[in-house]
Amino acid sequence: MATNHYFSQVVKGEQRLYEDIIIESLKIYGQDVYYLPRDIINEDTILGEDVQSRYNSSHKVEMYIENTDGFDGEGDLFTKFGVEIRDEATFIVSRTRWKEMVLRYDNEITGTRPREGDIVYLALSKSFFKITHVEHESPFYQLSNLPTYKLRCEKFEYSDEQFATGNIELDKEAEQYAYTYELVMDSSGPGYILGEYVTQTQTSGTIIYADVLSWNDSSNTLGLIHVGADDGKFAELATGIALLGNASRAFCTPTSIIEDIGATKSDMNDEFETTATDMSFLDFTESNPFGDVQ
């Protein structure tokens, strides 16, 4: 037996009204966030892993944070490797607004919905969250339509991804976690330009490339991040071979190279080690950690 012939749940006017109310609610109670689509540079098709990712654009769109009492997840964990921040959050975004503000302006997006691996930047806490799952059937067909996406996210762990979104605030926020090389050059020459990339052709024919993070004319020191090789293999910068700037055309030779991971907001290993030693916070006298306590 068919449903009532005089009433229908599929009424376009009611569906649009329902969606407009949701969009207005998200604008009232939500937050302006930046959506960063991920661009996969080199995918390992055997293990299904993304060797290197790049984020080339950012799009502002309003989203509602479903967590009302703070971030979910395990919070801040103190481990033997330092402090790990395992915050999680759930964002709700309108399908229509996502298409208008993200999909419409980004030609590199191949899908028609938010994808796992993309990033949501919450300016309120200056935090990057990586999307781990997209729930596309909630709320469940109240008016025979699906007006929103629910994005389940976890705190993004930086692993030398390239950020070139064009938004200075976002790029600088990400670059502070990058692995940094500091090079002392033989002469200042014309000087390098911040943000440009440099290349070094080694004796083996391998071309090393990197992005300029900083340049100091007085000390002739050059800061580089995102160092890689054209063959995709591991390679290191070498002294005695000049680096060419693509925009500045600077051509200077490094005399010494210092690698510096740098201290981030969540890294306090030296402080913990000092506190543990001075205040007996940890007991290092245990000789048999697998045996019974004496």
C-alpha atoms as a PDB file:
ATOM      1  CA  MET A   1       0.000   0.000   0.000  1.00  0.00           C
ATOM      2  CA  ALA A   2       1.382   3.370  -0.982  1.00  0.00           C
ATOM      3  CA  THR A   3       1.759   6.287   1.415  1.00  0.00           C
ATOM      4  CA  ASN A   4      -0.760   9.111   1.552  1.00  0.00           C
ATOM      5  CA  HIS A   5      -1.328  10.531  -1.932  1.00  0.00           C
ATOM      6  CA  TYR A   6      -2.276  13.964  -0.573  1.00  0.00           C
ATOM      7  CA  PHE A   7       0.948  14.574   1.417  1.00  0.00           C
ATOM      8  CA  SER A   8       4.570  14.255   0.385  1.00  0.00           C
ATOM      9  CA  GLN A   9       7.841  14.608   2.278  1.00  0.00           C
ATOM     10  CA  VAL A  10       9.653  15.613  -0.884  1.00  0.00           C
ATOM     11  CA  VAL A  11       8.560  19.242  -1.123  1.00  0.00           C
ATOM     12  CA  LYS A  12      11.311  21.385  -2.587  1.00  0.00           C
ATOM     13  CA  GLY A  13      10.059  24.545  -0.922  1.00  0.00           C
ATOM     14  CA  GLU A  14      10.107  22.957   2.531  1.00  0.00           C
ATOM     15  CA  GLN A  15      13.518  21.416   1.906  1.00  0.00           C
ATOM     16  CA  ARG A  16      14.981  24.786   0.907  1.00  0.00           C
ATOM     17  CA  LEU A  17      13.364  26.466   3.902  1.00  0.00           C
ATOM     18  CA  TYR A  18      14.780  23.815   6.233  1.00  0.00           C
ATOM     19  CA  GLU A  19      18.243  24.215   4.726  1.00  0.00           C
ATOM     20  CA  ASP A  20      18.102  28.021   4.919  1.00  0.00           C
ATOM     21  CA  ILE A  21      17.219  27.784   8.617  1.00  0.00           C
ATOM     22  CA  ILE A  22      20.203  25.488   9.200  1.00  0.00           C
ATOM     23  CA  ILE A  23      22.534  27.865   7.344  1.00  0.00           C
ATOM     24  CA  GLU A  24      21.268  30.814   9.389  1.00  0.00           C
ATOM     25  CA  SER A  25      21.745  28.843  12.617  1.00  0.00           C
ATOM     26  CA  LEU A  26      25.318  27.956  11.642  1.00  0.00           C
ATOM     27  CA  LYS A  27      26.025  31.610  10.951  1.00  0.00           C
ATOM     28  CA  ILE A  28      24.628  32.595  14.359  1.00  0.00           C
ATOM     29  CA  TYR A  29      26.110  29.880  16.576  1.00  0.00           C
ATOM     30  CA  GLY A  30      29.085  28.773  14.477  1.00  0.00           C
ATOM     31  CA  GLN A  31      32.641  29.951  14.016  1.00  0.00           C
ATOM     32  CA  ASP A  32      34.483  31.185  10.940  1.00  0.00           C
ATOM     33  CA  VAL A  33      37.061  28.542  10.091  1.00  0.00           C
ATOM     34  CA  TYR A  34      39.406  27.945   7.174  1.00  0.00           C
ATOM     35  CA  TYR A  35      39.057  24.812   5.082  1.00  0.00           C
ATOM     36  CA  LEU A  36      42.342  23.590   3.549  1.00  0.00           C
ATOM     37  CA  PRO A  37      41.985  20.898   0.841  1.00  0.00           C
ATOM     38  CA  ARG A  38      44.829  18.413   0.673  1.00  0.00           C
ATOM     39  CA  ASP A  39      46.770  17.954  -2.546  1.00  0.00           C
ATOM     40  CA  ILE A  40      48.487  14.545  -2.719  1.00  0.00           C
ATOM     41  CA  ILE A  41      51.909  14.926  -4.345  1.00  0.00           C
ATOM     42  CA  ASN A  42      53.195  11.364  -4.333  1.00  0.00           C
ATOM     43  CA  GLU A  43      50.976   8.477  -3.224  1.00  0.00           C
ATOM     44  CA  ASP A  44      52.298   5.035  -2.341  1.00  0.00           C
ATOM     45  CA  THR A  45      49.787   2.870  -4.213  1.00  0.00           C
ATOM     46  CA  ILE A  46      51.109  -0.341  -2.625  1.00  0.00           C
ATOM     47  CA  LEU A  47      50.651   0.629   1.032  1.00  0.00           C
ATOM     48  CA  GLY A  48      47.998   3.239   0.299  1.00  0.00           C
ATOM     49  CA  GLU A  49      49.980   5.975   2.017  1.00  0.00           C
ATOM     50  CA  ASP A  50      50.515   9.594   1.082  1.00  0.00           C
ATOM     51  CA  VAL A  51      54.264  10.175   1.023  1.00  0.00           C
ATOM     52  CA  GLN A  52      53.956  13.936   0.833  1.00  0.00           C
ATOM     53  CA  SER A  53      51.024  16.335   1.023  1.00  0.00           C
ATOM     54  CA  ARG A  54      50.612  19.958   0.079  1.00  0.00           C
ATOM     55  CA  TYR A  55      47.982  22.547   0.996  1.00  0.00           C
ATOM     56  CA  ASN A  56      47.732  25.197  -1.707  1.00  0.00           C
ATOM     57  CA  SER A  57      44.555  27.054  -0.801  1.00  0.00           C
ATOM     58  CA  SER A  58      42.333  28.075   2.092  1.00  0.00           C
ATOM     59  CA  HIS A  59      38.635  28.921   2.120  1.00  0.00           C
ATOM     60  CA  LYS A  60      36.719  30.662   4.898  1.00  0.00           C
ATOM     61  CA  VAL A  61      33.381  29.091   5.775  1.00  0.00           C
ATOM     62  CA  GLU A  62      31.224  28.989   8.891  1.00  0.00           C
ATOM     63  CA  MET A  63      31.017  25.752  10.864  1.00  0.00           C
ATOM     64  CA  TYR A  64      29.380  24.791  14.126  1.00  0.00           C
ATOM     65  CA  ILE A  65      31.539  23.150  16.797  1.00  0.00           C
ATOM     66  CA  GLU A  66      29.508  20.305  18.243  1.00  0.00           C
ATOM     67  CA  ASN A  67      31.754  20.023  21.312  1.00  0.00           C
ATOM     68  CA  THR A  68      30.177  22.302  23.904  1.00  0.00           C
ATOM     69  CA  ASP A  69      32.329  21.479  26.945  1.00  0.00           C
ATOM     70  CA  GLY A  70      35.726  21.541  25.253  1.00  0.00           C
ATOM     71  CA  PHE A  71      37.603  19.325  22.853  1.00  0.00           C
ATOM     72  CA  ASP A  72      37.067  15.564  22.936  1.00  0.00           C
ATOM     73  CA  GLY A  73      39.791  12.941  22.734  1.00  0.00           C
ATOM     74  CA  GLU A  74      42.442  11.957  25.236  1.00  0.00           C
ATOM     75  CA  GLY A  75      43.618  15.511  25.831  1.00  0.00           C
ATOM     76  CA  ASP A  76      47.243  16.198  26.748  1.00  0.00           C
ATOM     77  CA  LEU A  77      49.314  13.091  27.416  1.00  0.00           C
ATOM     78  CA  PHE A  78      52.720  13.044  29.109  1.00  0.00           C
ATOM     79  CA  THR A  79      54.761  10.258  27.534  1.00  0.00           C
ATOM     80  CA  LYS A  80      58.417   9.286  27.439  1.00  0.00           C
ATOM     81  CA  PHE A  81      58.624  11.028  24.069  1.00  0.00           C
ATOM     82  CA  GLY A  82      57.314  14.320  25.426  1.00  0.00           C
ATOM     83  CA  VAL A  83      53.869  15.888  25.419  1.00  0.00           C
ATOM     84  CA  GLU A  84      51.252  14.652  22.966  1.00  0.00           C
ATOM     85  CA  ILE A  85      48.108  16.673  22.336  1.00  0.00           C
ATOM     86  CA  ARG A  86      45.280  14.394  21.240  1.00  0.00           C
ATOM     87  CA  ASP A  87      42.370  16.781  21.028  1.00  0.00           C
ATOM     88  CA  GLU A  88      39.414  15.896  18.836  1.00  0.00           C
ATOM     89  CA  ALA A  89      36.541  18.011  17.564  1.00  0.00           C
ATOM     90  CA  THR A  90      33.415  17.639  15.450  1.00  0.00           C
ATOM     91  CA  PHE A  91      32.442  20.369  12.990  1.00  0.00           C
ATOM     92  CA  ILE A  92      29.111  20.715  11.198  1.00  0.00           C
ATOM     93  CA  VAL A  93      28.972  22.510   7.860  1.00  0.00           C
ATOM     94  CA  SER A  94      26.148  23.115   5.406  1.00  0.00           C
ATOM     95  CA  ARG A  95      26.441  21.209   2.130  1.00  0.00           C
ATOM     96  CA  THR A  96      25.308  24.246   0.169  1.00  0.00           C
ATOM     97  CA  ARG A  97      27.759  26.585   1.909  1.00  0.00           C
ATOM     98  CA  TRP A  98      30.641  24.140   1.431  1.00  0.00           C
ATOM     99  CA  LYS A  99      29.922  23.974  -2.291  1.00  0.00           C
ATOM    100  CA  GLU A 100      29.588  27.771  -2.528  1.00  0.00           C
ATOM    101  CA  MET A 101      32.677  28.690  -0.494  1.00  0.00           C
ATOM    102  CA  VAL A 102      35.069  25.784  -1.156  1.00  0.00           C
ATOM    103  CA  LEU A 103      34.204  23.607  -4.143  1.00  0.00           C
ATOM    104  CA  ARG A 104      33.245  26.527  -6.353  1.00  0.00           C
ATOM    105  CA  TYR A 105      36.604  28.307  -5.966  1.00  0.00           C
ATOM    106  CA  ASP A 106      39.022  25.359  -5.948  1.00  0.00           C
ATOM    107  CA  ASN A 107      39.553  23.588  -9.257  1.00  0.00           C
ATOM    108  CA  GLU A 108      41.980  21.083  -7.721  1.00  0.00           C
ATOM    109  CA  ILE A 109      39.260  19.393  -5.643  1.00  0.00           C
ATOM    110  CA  THR A 110      38.255  16.165  -7.370  1.00  0.00           C
ATOM    111  CA  GLY A 111      35.468  15.044  -5.015  1.00  0.00           C
ATOM    112  CA  THR A 112      32.072  16.561  -4.345  1.00  0.00           C
ATOM    113  CA  ARG A 113      32.286  16.536  -0.548  1.00  0.00           C
ATOM    114  CA  PRO A 114      34.849  17.217   2.207  1.00  0.00           C
ATOM    115  CA  ARG A 115      37.555  14.573   2.154  1.00  0.00           C
ATOM    116  CA  GLU A 116      39.441  12.748   4.855  1.00  0.00           C
ATOM    117  CA  GLY A 117      42.914  14.245   5.173  1.00  0.00           C
ATOM    118  CA  ASP A 118      41.778  17.820   4.547  1.00  0.00           C
ATOM    119  CA  ILE A 119      42.385  20.366   7.312  1.00  0.00           C
ATOM    120  CA  VAL A 120      40.078  22.647   9.269  1.00  0.00           C
ATOM    121  CA  TYR A 121      41.846  25.609  10.882  1.00  0.00           C
ATOM    122  CA  LEU A 122      40.083  27.013  13.932  1.00  0.00           C
ATOM    123  CA  ALA A 123      41.262  30.598  14.353  1.00  0.00           C
ATOM    124  CA  LEU A 124      39.654  30.799  17.808  1.00  0.00           C
ATOM    125  CA  SER A 125      42.300  28.461  19.277  1.00  0.00           C
ATOM    126  CA  LYS A 126      44.830  28.712  16.400  1.00  0.00           C
ATOM    127  CA  SER A 127      44.592  24.957  15.896  1.00  0.00           C
ATOM    128  CA  PHE A 128      44.780  22.740  12.839  1.00  0.00           C
ATOM    129  CA  PHE A 129      42.441  19.728  12.779  1.00  0.00           C
ATOM    130  CA  LYS A 130      42.686  16.909  10.264  1.00  0.00           C
ATOM    131  CA  ILE A 131      39.447  15.339   9.052  1.00  0.00           C
ATOM    132  CA  THR A 132      39.352  11.633   9.897  1.00  0.00           C
ATOM    133  CA  HIS A 133      35.740  10.845   8.959  1.00  0.00           C
ATOM    134  CA  VAL A 134      32.924  12.612   7.120  1.00  0.00           C
ATOM    135  CA  GLU A 135      29.401  11.687   8.205  1.00  0.00           C
ATOM    136  CA  HIS A 136      27.096  12.591   5.310  1.00  0.00           C
ATOM    137  CA  GLU A 137      23.828  11.084   6.581  1.00  0.00           C
ATOM    138  CA  SER A 138      23.132  13.165   9.657  1.00  0.00           C
ATOM    139  CA  PRO A 139      20.443  14.357  10.298  1.00  0.00           C
ATOM    140  CA  PHE A 140      18.877  11.301   8.737  1.00  0.00           C
ATOM    141  CA  TYR A 141      16.450  12.245   5.928  1.00  0.00           C
ATOM    142  CA  GLN A 142      13.936  14.247   8.014  1.00  0.00           C
ATOM    143  CA  LEU A 143      12.626  15.890   4.861  1.00  0.00           C
ATOM    144  CA  SER A 144      14.092  13.319   2.473  1.00  0.00           C
ATOM    145  CA  ASN A 145      17.272  15.356   2.121  1.00  0.00           C
ATOM    146  CA  LEU A 146      20.704  15.675   3.719  1.00  0.00           C
ATOM    147  CA  PRO A 147      21.545  19.336   4.416  1.00  0.00           C
ATOM    148  CA  THR A 148      24.834  19.056   6.338  1.00  0.00           C
ATOM    149  CA  TYR A 149      28.170  17.291   6.674  1.00  0.00           C
ATOM    150  CA  LYS A 150      29.515  16.289  10.061  1.00  0.00           C
ATOM    151  CA  LEU A 151      33.325  16.367  10.120  1.00  0.00           C
ATOM    152  CA  ARG A 152      35.037  14.321  12.815  1.00  0.00           C
ATOM    153  CA  CYS A 153      38.551  15.677  13.266  1.00  0.00           C
ATOM    154  CA  GLU A 154      41.678  15.134  15.326  1.00  0.00           C
ATOM    155  CA  LYS A 155      44.538  17.498  16.118  1.00  0.00           C
ATOM    156  CA  PHE A 156      46.790  17.775  13.096  1.00  0.00           C
ATOM    157  CA  GLU A 157      50.357  16.508  13.549  1.00  0.00           C
ATOM    158  CA  TYR A 158      52.734  18.364  11.279  1.00  0.00           C
ATOM    159  CA  SER A 159      55.183  16.182   9.321  1.00  0.00           C
ATOM    160  CA  ASP A 160      56.835  18.651   6.931  1.00  0.00           C
ATOM    161  CA  GLU A 161      53.808  19.202   4.691  1.00  0.00           C
ATOM    162  CA  GLN A 162      53.985  22.226   2.411  1.00  0.00           C
ATOM    163  CA  PHE A 163      51.646  25.123   3.183  1.00  0.00           C
ATOM    164  CA  ALA A 164      51.316  27.677   0.376  1.00  0.00           C
ATOM    165  CA  THR A 165      47.736  28.808   0.820  1.00  0.00           C
ATOM    166  CA  GLY A 166      48.432  32.470   0.186  1.00  0.00           C
ATOM    167  CA  ASN A 167      47.123  33.267   3.672  1.00  0.00           C
ATOM    168  CA  ILE A 168      50.151  34.600   5.555  1.00  0.00           C
ATOM    169  CA  GLU A 169      48.666  33.843   8.978  1.00  0.00           C
ATOM    170  CA  LEU A 170      47.988  30.200   8.152  1.00  0.00           C
ATOM    171  CA  ASP A 171      51.305  29.613   6.413  1.00  0.00           C
ATOM    172  CA  LYS A 172      53.303  31.169   9.263  1.00  0.00           C
ATOM    173  CA  GLU A 173      51.346  29.186  11.842  1.00  0.00           C
ATOM    174  CA  ALA A 174      52.247  25.942  10.068  1.00  0.00           C
ATOM    175  CA  GLU A 175      55.857  26.849   9.258  1.00  0.00           C
ATOM    176  CA  GLN A 176      56.809  27.156  12.928  1.00  0.00           C
ATOM    177  CA  TYR A 177      56.661  23.349  13.165  1.00  0.00           C
ATOM    178  CA  ALA A 178      58.821  22.743  10.093  1.00  0.00           C
ATOM    179  CA  TYR A 179      62.234  21.086  10.188  1.00  0.00           C
ATOM    180  CA  THR A 180      64.673  23.932   9.626  1.00  0.00           C
ATOM    181  CA  TYR A 181      68.134  24.097   8.061  1.00  0.00           C
ATOM    182  CA  GLU A 182      70.272  27.123   8.884  1.00  0.00           C
ATOM    183  CA  LEU A 183      73.065  27.807   6.387  1.00  0.00           C
ATOM    184  CA  VAL A 184      75.927  30.268   6.712  1.00  0.00           C
ATOM    185  CA  MET A 185      76.683  31.612   3.230  1.00  0.00           C
ATOM    186  CA  ASP A 186      80.033  32.826   1.897  1.00  0.00           C
ATOM    187  CA  SER A 187      78.683  36.226   0.868  1.00  0.00           C
ATOM    188  CA  SER A 188      75.408  38.071   0.954  1.00  0.00           C
ATOM    189  CA  GLY A 189      75.290  38.889  -2.744  1.00  0.00           C
ATOM    190  CA  PRO A 190      71.898  40.182  -3.870  1.00  0.00           C
ATOM    191  CA  GLY A 191      70.189  38.297  -1.033  1.00  0.00           C
ATOM    192  CA  TYR A 192      67.380  35.741  -1.064  1.00  0.00           C
ATOM    193  CA  ILE A 193      63.664  36.515  -1.002  1.00  0.00           C
ATOM    194  CA  LEU A 194      61.396  35.090   1.687  1.00  0.00           C
ATOM    195  CA  GLY A 195      59.078  32.435   0.308  1.00  0.00           C
ATOM    196  CA  GLU A 196      61.031  31.714  -2.852  1.00  0.00           C
ATOM    197  CA  TYR A 197      62.528  28.302  -3.501  1.00  0.00           C
ATOM    198  CA  VAL A 198      66.203  27.554  -4.015  1.00  0.00           C
ATOM    199  CA  THR A 199      67.934  24.706  -5.844  1.00  0.00           C
ATOM    200  CA  GLN A 200      71.311  23.054  -5.413  1.00  0.00           C
ATOM    201  CA  THR A 201      72.670  20.804  -8.179  1.00  0.00           C
ATOM    202  CA  GLN A 202      74.989  18.275  -6.556  1.00  0.00           C
ATOM    203  CA  THR A 203      77.901  16.457  -8.179  1.00  0.00           C
ATOM    204  CA  SER A 204      75.773  13.314  -8.595  1.00  0.00           C
ATOM    205  CA  GLY A 205      73.278  15.260 -10.698  1.00  0.00           C
ATOM    206  CA  THR A 206      70.622  15.258  -7.968  1.00  0.00           C
ATOM    207  CA  ILE A 207      68.816  18.566  -7.602  1.00  0.00           C
ATOM    208  CA  ILE A 208      67.984  19.589  -4.036  1.00  0.00           C
ATOM    209  CA  TYR A 209      65.182  22.098  -3.577  1.00  0.00           C
ATOM    210  CA  ALA A 210      63.914  24.006  -0.525  1.00  0.00           C
ATOM    211  CA  ASP A 211      61.809  26.999   0.505  1.00  0.00           C
ATOM    212  CA  VAL A 212      63.367  30.119   2.010  1.00  0.00           C
ATOM    213  CA  LEU A 213      62.130  30.711   5.552  1.00  0.00           C
ATOM    214  CA  SER A 214      64.499  33.527   6.548  1.00  0.00           C
ATOM    215  CA  TRP A 215      67.460  35.540   5.293  1.00  0.00           C
ATOM    216  CA  ASN A 216      69.777  37.734   7.372  1.00  0.00           C
ATOM    217  CA  ASP A 217      71.957  40.158   5.411  1.00  0.00           C
ATOM    218  CA  SER A 218      74.193  41.051   8.338  1.00  0.00           C
ATOM    219  CA  SER A 219      75.147  37.478   9.272  1.00  0.00           C
ATOM    220  CA  ASN A 220      74.660  35.929   5.814  1.00  0.00           C
ATOM    221  CA  THR A 221      72.501  33.171   7.302  1.00  0.00           C
ATOM    222  CA  LEU A 222      69.817  31.454   5.264  1.00  0.00           C
ATOM    223  CA  GLY A 223      66.929  29.492   6.807  1.00  0.00           C
ATOM    224  CA  LEU A 224      65.416  26.711   4.676  1.00  0.00           C
ATOM    225  CA  ILE A 225      62.427  24.408   5.118  1.00  0.00           C
ATOM    226  CA  HIS A 226      60.763  21.669   3.035  1.00  0.00           C
ATOM    227  CA  VAL A 227      64.061  20.294   1.754  1.00  0.00           C
ATOM    228  CA  GLY A 228      63.678  17.537  -0.837  1.00  0.00           C
ATOM    229  CA  ALA A 229      65.207  16.018  -3.962  1.00  0.00           C
ATOM    230  CA  ASP A 230      63.950  15.805  -7.538  1.00  0.00           C
ATOM    231  CA  ASP A 231      64.251  11.998  -7.571  1.00  0.00           C
ATOM    232  CA  GLY A 232      62.098  11.602  -4.462  1.00  0.00           C
ATOM    233  CA  LYS A 233      64.925   9.982  -2.486  1.00  0.00           C
ATOM    234  CA  PHE A 234      66.550  11.171   0.709  1.00  0.00           C
ATOM    235  CA  ALA A 235      69.323  13.695   0.094  1.00  0.00           C
ATOM    236  CA  GLU A 236      71.093  16.328   2.149  1.00  0.00           C
ATOM    237  CA  LEU A 237      72.309  19.822   1.397  1.00  0.00           C
ATOM    238  CA  ALA A 238      76.044  20.044   0.833  1.00  0.00           C
ATOM    239  CA  THR A 239      78.582  22.741   1.612  1.00  0.00           C
ATOM    240  CA  GLY A 240      80.723  24.150  -1.158  1.00  0.00           C
ATOM    241  CA  ILE A 241      77.924  24.017  -3.756  1.00  0.00           C
ATOM    242  CA  ALA A 242      76.005  27.221  -4.507  1.00  0.00           C
ATOM    243  CA  LEU A 243      72.247  27.608  -4.063  1.00  0.00           C
ATOM    244  CA  LEU A 244      70.290  29.405  -6.782  1.00  0.00           C
ATOM    245  CA  GLY A 245      67.219  31.447  -5.868  1.00  0.00           C
ATOM    246  CA  ASN A 246      64.448  31.152  -8.441  1.00  0.00           C
ATOM    247  CA  ALA A 247      63.161  34.709  -7.978  1.00  0.00           C
ATOM    248  CA  SER A 248      66.113  36.652  -6.568  1.00  0.00           C
ATOM    249  CA  ARG A 249      68.665  34.794  -8.746  1.00  0.00           C
ATOM    250  CA  ALA A 250      70.982  34.875  -5.717  1.00  0.00           C
ATOM    251  CA  PHE A 251      73.867  32.450  -6.126  1.00  0.00           C
ATOM    252  CA  CYS A 252      75.719  31.947  -2.836  1.00  0.00           C
ATOM    253  CA  THR A 253      77.669  29.008  -1.413  1.00  0.00           C
ATOM    254  CA  PRO A 254      77.046  27.606   2.087  1.00  0.00           C
ATOM    255  CA  THR A 255      80.094  27.198   4.321  1.00  0.00           C
ATOM    256  CA  SER A 256      78.280  25.441   7.191  1.00  0.00           C
ATOM    257  CA  ILE A 257      74.897  23.818   7.716  1.00  0.00           C
ATOM    258  CA  ILE A 258      73.012  23.425  11.001  1.00  0.00           C
ATOM    259  CA  GLU A 259      69.882  21.291  11.303  1.00  0.00           C
ATOM    260  CA  ASP A 260      67.342  22.520  13.829  1.00  0.00           C
ATOM    261  CA  ILE A 261      63.965  20.929  14.503  1.00  0.00           C
ATOM    262  CA  GLY A 262      63.111  23.878  16.710  1.00  0.00           C
ATOM    263  CA  ALA A 263      60.979  24.092  19.828  1.00  0.00           C
ATOM    264  CA  THR A 264      57.237  24.111  19.335  1.00  0.00           C
ATOM    265  CA  LYS A 265      54.466  25.096  21.704  1.00  0.00           C
ATOM    266  CA  SER A 266      53.976  21.490  22.804  1.00  0.00           C
ATOM    267  CA  ASP A 267      57.657  20.550  23.177  1.00  0.00           C
ATOM    268  CA  MET A 268      59.125  21.043  26.636  1.00  0.00           C
ATOM    269  CA  ASN A 269      61.441  18.048  26.814  1.00  0.00           C
ATOM    270  CA  ASP A 270      64.389  19.976  28.275  1.00  0.00           C
ATOM    271  CA  GLU A 271      62.169  21.485  30.947  1.00  0.00           C
ATOM    272  CA  PHE A 272      60.735  18.088  31.883  1.00  0.00           C
ATOM    273  CA  GLU A 273      64.187  16.533  32.026  1.00  0.00           C
ATOM    274  CA  THR A 274      65.459  19.286  34.325  1.00  0.00           C
ATOM    275  CA  THR A 275      62.398  19.086  36.551  1.00  0.00           C
ATOM    276  CA  ALA A 276      62.574  15.300  36.722  1.00  0.00           C
ATOM    277  CA  THR A 277      66.243  15.369  37.715  1.00  0.00           C
ATOM    278  CA  ASP A 278      66.094  18.207  40.252  1.00  0.00           C
ATOM    279  CA  MET A 279      62.804  17.329  41.949  1.00  0.00           C
ATOM    280  CA  SER A 280      62.903  13.536  41.681  1.00  0.00           C
ATOM    281  CA  PHE A 281      59.805  13.613  39.537  1.00  0.00           C
ATOM    282  CA  LEU A 282      60.894  10.337  37.942  1.00  0.00           C
ATOM    283  CA  ASP A 283      62.907   7.484  39.437  1.00  0.00           C
ATOM    284  CA  PHE A 284      65.854   6.566  37.208  1.00  0.00           C
ATOM    285  CA  THR A 285      67.386   4.102  39.687  1.00  0.00           C
ATOM    286  CA  GLU A 286      65.250   1.112  38.653  1.00  0.00           C
ATOM    287  CA  SER A 287      67.616  -1.498  37.251  1.00  0.00           C
ATOM    288  CA  ASN A 288      65.048  -4.149  36.323  1.00  0.00           C
ATOM    289  CA  PRO A 289      61.910  -2.534  34.920  1.00  0.00           C
ATOM    290  CA  PHE A 290      60.392  -5.959  34.095  1.00  0.00           C
ATOM    291  CA  GLY A 291      60.764  -7.403  37.590  1.00  0.00           C
ATOM    292  CA  ASP A 292      58.814  -7.007  40.808  1.00  0.00           C
ATOM    293  CA  VAL A 293      59.153  -3.890  42.937  1.00  0.00           C
ATOM    294  CA  GLN A 294      61.681  -4.508  45.735  1.00  0.00           C
END
